[in-house]
Amino acid sequence: MLALGLSTLRWRPRDLWAATPREIAAAAGLRAGPGAALDRAAFDQLLLAYPDPEIPR
């Protein structure tokens, strides 16, 4: 992963460490397998199950 991020992709170390595995795979041109993406219904279920906390203003 380090060689891919630092040498092949030529990312700065801070950018590599901040990236998710999915972001690194996408930058490397790797594709997710079938069914990897959520459909809208599954996404809505996740939003209901894990709502963002209210931030006081």
C-alpha atoms as a PDB file:
ATOM      1  CA  MET A   1       0.000   0.000   0.000  1.00  0.00           C
ATOM      2  CA  LEU A   2       2.832   2.367   0.829  1.00  0.00           C
ATOM      3  CA  ALA A   3       4.626   1.671  -2.431  1.00  0.00           C
ATOM      4  CA  LEU A   4       1.413   2.141  -4.387  1.00  0.00           C
ATOM      5  CA  GLY A   5       0.517   5.408  -2.671  1.00  0.00           C
ATOM      6  CA  LEU A   6       3.933   6.992  -2.469  1.00  0.00           C
ATOM      7  CA  SER A   7       5.630   5.686  -5.616  1.00  0.00           C
ATOM      8  CA  THR A   8       2.963   4.820  -8.156  1.00  0.00           C
ATOM      9  CA  LEU A   9       0.336   7.407  -7.233  1.00  0.00           C
ATOM     10  CA  ARG A  10       2.991   9.912  -6.079  1.00  0.00           C
ATOM     11  CA  TRP A  11       0.879  11.072  -3.140  1.00  0.00           C
ATOM     12  CA  ARG A  12       2.316  13.005  -0.220  1.00  0.00           C
ATOM     13  CA  PRO A  13       2.528  10.882   2.963  1.00  0.00           C
ATOM     14  CA  ARG A  14      -0.150  12.938   4.738  1.00  0.00           C
ATOM     15  CA  ASP A  15      -2.550  12.407   1.815  1.00  0.00           C
ATOM     16  CA  LEU A  16      -1.887   8.672   1.766  1.00  0.00           C
ATOM     17  CA  TRP A  17      -2.487   8.288   5.510  1.00  0.00           C
ATOM     18  CA  ALA A  18      -5.683  10.347   5.290  1.00  0.00           C
ATOM     19  CA  ALA A  19      -7.109   8.271   2.422  1.00  0.00           C
ATOM     20  CA  THR A  20      -9.503   5.379   2.881  1.00  0.00           C
ATOM     21  CA  PRO A  21      -8.793   2.003   1.251  1.00  0.00           C
ATOM     22  CA  ARG A  22     -11.645   2.701  -1.175  1.00  0.00           C
ATOM     23  CA  GLU A  23     -10.084   6.031  -2.196  1.00  0.00           C
ATOM     24  CA  ILE A  24      -6.707   4.401  -2.755  1.00  0.00           C
ATOM     25  CA  ALA A  25      -8.274   1.615  -4.829  1.00  0.00           C
ATOM     26  CA  ALA A  26     -10.187   4.140  -6.932  1.00  0.00           C
ATOM     27  CA  ALA A  27      -7.045   6.202  -7.531  1.00  0.00           C
ATOM     28  CA  ALA A  28      -5.215   3.036  -8.571  1.00  0.00           C
ATOM     29  CA  GLY A  29      -7.959   2.222 -11.074  1.00  0.00           C
ATOM     30  CA  LEU A  30      -9.262  -0.817  -9.215  1.00  0.00           C
ATOM     31  CA  ARG A  31     -12.977  -1.481  -9.416  1.00  0.00           C
ATOM     32  CA  ALA A  32     -15.268  -2.781  -6.733  1.00  0.00           C
ATOM     33  CA  GLY A  33     -17.010  -6.072  -7.308  1.00  0.00           C
ATOM     34  CA  PRO A  34     -20.704  -6.383  -8.126  1.00  0.00           C
ATOM     35  CA  GLY A  35     -23.044  -5.229  -5.404  1.00  0.00           C
ATOM     36  CA  ALA A  36     -20.403  -3.034  -3.765  1.00  0.00           C
ATOM     37  CA  ALA A  37     -22.437   0.172  -4.109  1.00  0.00           C
ATOM     38  CA  LEU A  38     -25.466   0.892  -1.944  1.00  0.00           C
ATOM     39  CA  ASP A  39     -28.808   1.511  -3.536  1.00  0.00           C
ATOM     40  CA  ARG A  40     -30.912   4.435  -2.294  1.00  0.00           C
ATOM     41  CA  ALA A  41     -33.073   2.282  -0.006  1.00  0.00           C
ATOM     42  CA  ALA A  42     -30.045   0.805   1.765  1.00  0.00           C
ATOM     43  CA  PHE A  43     -28.519   4.265   2.108  1.00  0.00           C
ATOM     44  CA  ASP A  44     -31.745   5.625   3.625  1.00  0.00           C
ATOM     45  CA  GLN A  45     -31.764   2.740   6.123  1.00  0.00           C
ATOM     46  CA  LEU A  46     -28.227   3.638   7.186  1.00  0.00           C
ATOM     47  CA  LEU A  47     -29.200   7.283   7.615  1.00  0.00           C
ATOM     48  CA  LEU A  48     -32.058   6.270   9.894  1.00  0.00           C
ATOM     49  CA  ALA A  49     -29.936   3.853  11.893  1.00  0.00           C
ATOM     50  CA  TYR A  50     -26.958   6.215  12.282  1.00  0.00           C
ATOM     51  CA  PRO A  51     -28.146   9.846  12.149  1.00  0.00           C
ATOM     52  CA  ASP A  52     -25.638  12.683  12.320  1.00  0.00           C
ATOM     53  CA  PRO A  53     -25.533  14.288  15.763  1.00  0.00           C
ATOM     54  CA  GLU A  54     -27.018  17.729  16.151  1.00  0.00           C
ATOM     55  CA  ILE A  55     -24.355  20.413  16.360  1.00  0.00           C
ATOM     56  CA  PRO A  56     -25.213  23.344  18.639  1.00  0.00           C
ATOM     57  CA  ARG A  57     -24.800  26.716  17.003  1.00  0.00           C
END
